[in-house]
Amino acid sequence: MYCCEQMSDLSDRDLVRIGPMHSLGDGRILTEIDTEYHLRFGEARPSYVGLNYCPFCGRALSRELWNREKKK
């Protein structure tokens, strides 16, 4: 489920949420990237930023990029 150990650590600290965009109802989504990986910022009403790539290992995380790389 995680592409690397660093991403797993962020998820353990609740700084990354993995799941469909509609499940992020406790905050606001700042990007419209088709991904299940979102960075979480803030405490009371968090903001979420979708990730195209893992910031640590560079793996494609968004569905659009993943499908594009898969077709190559």
C-alpha atoms as a PDB file:
ATOM      1  CA  MET A   1       0.000   0.000   0.000  1.00  0.00           C
ATOM      2  CA  TYR A   2       2.910   2.357   0.645  1.00  0.00           C
ATOM      3  CA  CYS A   3       5.559   3.019  -1.951  1.00  0.00           C
ATOM      4  CA  CYS A   4       8.369   3.576   0.560  1.00  0.00           C
ATOM      5  CA  GLU A   5       9.151   3.633   4.281  1.00  0.00           C
ATOM      6  CA  GLN A   6       9.079   7.437   4.501  1.00  0.00           C
ATOM      7  CA  MET A   7       5.513   7.553   3.128  1.00  0.00           C
ATOM      8  CA  SER A   8       4.503   4.898   5.658  1.00  0.00           C
ATOM      9  CA  ASP A   9       5.993   7.023   8.458  1.00  0.00           C
ATOM     10  CA  LEU A  10       4.000  10.087   7.322  1.00  0.00           C
ATOM     11  CA  SER A  11       0.833   8.021   7.304  1.00  0.00           C
ATOM     12  CA  ASP A  12       1.549   6.753  10.821  1.00  0.00           C
ATOM     13  CA  ARG A  13       1.839  10.386  11.990  1.00  0.00           C
ATOM     14  CA  ASP A  14      -1.442  11.250  10.176  1.00  0.00           C
ATOM     15  CA  LEU A  15       0.306  13.664   7.806  1.00  0.00           C
ATOM     16  CA  VAL A  16      -0.727  11.654   4.741  1.00  0.00           C
ATOM     17  CA  ARG A  17      -4.185  10.241   4.162  1.00  0.00           C
ATOM     18  CA  ILE A  18      -4.650   7.376   1.753  1.00  0.00           C
ATOM     19  CA  GLY A  19      -8.135   6.813   0.436  1.00  0.00           C
ATOM     20  CA  PRO A  20     -10.702   8.156  -2.009  1.00  0.00           C
ATOM     21  CA  MET A  21     -11.155  11.905  -2.210  1.00  0.00           C
ATOM     22  CA  HIS A  22     -14.793  11.749  -1.027  1.00  0.00           C
ATOM     23  CA  SER A  23     -13.655  10.276   2.319  1.00  0.00           C
ATOM     24  CA  LEU A  24     -11.825  13.502   3.239  1.00  0.00           C
ATOM     25  CA  GLY A  25     -14.910  15.193   4.664  1.00  0.00           C
ATOM     26  CA  ASP A  26     -13.257  16.733   7.715  1.00  0.00           C
ATOM     27  CA  GLY A  27     -11.368  19.421   5.786  1.00  0.00           C
ATOM     28  CA  ARG A  28     -10.974  21.064   2.404  1.00  0.00           C
ATOM     29  CA  ILE A  29      -9.227  19.742  -0.677  1.00  0.00           C
ATOM     30  CA  LEU A  30      -6.921  22.273  -2.305  1.00  0.00           C
ATOM     31  CA  THR A  31      -6.113  20.350  -5.507  1.00  0.00           C
ATOM     32  CA  GLU A  32      -8.187  18.305  -7.928  1.00  0.00           C
ATOM     33  CA  ILE A  33      -5.601  15.618  -8.667  1.00  0.00           C
ATOM     34  CA  ASP A  34      -7.109  12.170  -9.274  1.00  0.00           C
ATOM     35  CA  THR A  35      -5.225  10.394  -6.498  1.00  0.00           C
ATOM     36  CA  GLU A  36      -5.791   8.563  -3.239  1.00  0.00           C
ATOM     37  CA  TYR A  37      -2.687  10.080  -1.608  1.00  0.00           C
ATOM     38  CA  HIS A  38      -3.161  13.452   0.108  1.00  0.00           C
ATOM     39  CA  LEU A  39      -0.851  15.484   2.351  1.00  0.00           C
ATOM     40  CA  ARG A  40      -2.703  16.781   5.405  1.00  0.00           C
ATOM     41  CA  PHE A  41      -2.075  20.273   6.843  1.00  0.00           C
ATOM     42  CA  GLY A  42      -3.665  21.856   9.903  1.00  0.00           C
ATOM     43  CA  GLU A  43      -5.363  20.637  13.035  1.00  0.00           C
ATOM     44  CA  ALA A  44      -8.974  21.756  13.598  1.00  0.00           C
ATOM     45  CA  ARG A  45     -10.068  21.906   9.937  1.00  0.00           C
ATOM     46  CA  PRO A  46      -7.252  20.393   7.880  1.00  0.00           C
ATOM     47  CA  SER A  47      -6.434  21.093   4.251  1.00  0.00           C
ATOM     48  CA  TYR A  48      -5.491  18.340   1.819  1.00  0.00           C
ATOM     49  CA  VAL A  49      -3.166  18.474  -1.170  1.00  0.00           C
ATOM     50  CA  GLY A  50      -3.209  15.604  -3.670  1.00  0.00           C
ATOM     51  CA  LEU A  51       0.075  14.047  -4.711  1.00  0.00           C
ATOM     52  CA  ASN A  52       1.058  13.148  -8.274  1.00  0.00           C
ATOM     53  CA  TYR A  53       4.377  11.636  -7.166  1.00  0.00           C
ATOM     54  CA  CYS A  54       5.856  10.428  -3.897  1.00  0.00           C
ATOM     55  CA  PRO A  55       8.145  13.190  -2.596  1.00  0.00           C
ATOM     56  CA  PHE A  56      10.641  10.585  -1.365  1.00  0.00           C
ATOM     57  CA  CYS A  57      10.971   7.801  -3.949  1.00  0.00           C
ATOM     58  CA  GLY A  58       9.393   9.499  -6.995  1.00  0.00           C
ATOM     59  CA  ARG A  59       6.814   6.783  -7.717  1.00  0.00           C
ATOM     60  CA  ALA A  60       3.697   7.930  -9.615  1.00  0.00           C
ATOM     61  CA  LEU A  61       0.774   8.079  -7.149  1.00  0.00           C
ATOM     62  CA  SER A  62      -2.066   9.664  -9.094  1.00  0.00           C
ATOM     63  CA  ARG A  63      -4.274   7.351 -11.128  1.00  0.00           C
ATOM     64  CA  GLU A  64      -3.820   9.361 -14.319  1.00  0.00           C
ATOM     65  CA  LEU A  65      -0.014   9.246 -14.168  1.00  0.00           C
ATOM     66  CA  TRP A  66       0.025   5.631 -13.031  1.00  0.00           C
ATOM     67  CA  ASN A  67      -2.169   4.569 -15.967  1.00  0.00           C
ATOM     68  CA  ARG A  68      -0.048   6.610 -18.394  1.00  0.00           C
ATOM     69  CA  GLU A  69       3.179   4.963 -17.156  1.00  0.00           C
ATOM     70  CA  LYS A  70       1.542   1.521 -17.216  1.00  0.00           C
ATOM     71  CA  LYS A  71       0.650   1.911 -20.941  1.00  0.00           C
ATOM     72  CA  LYS A  72       4.291   2.606 -21.943  1.00  0.00           C
END
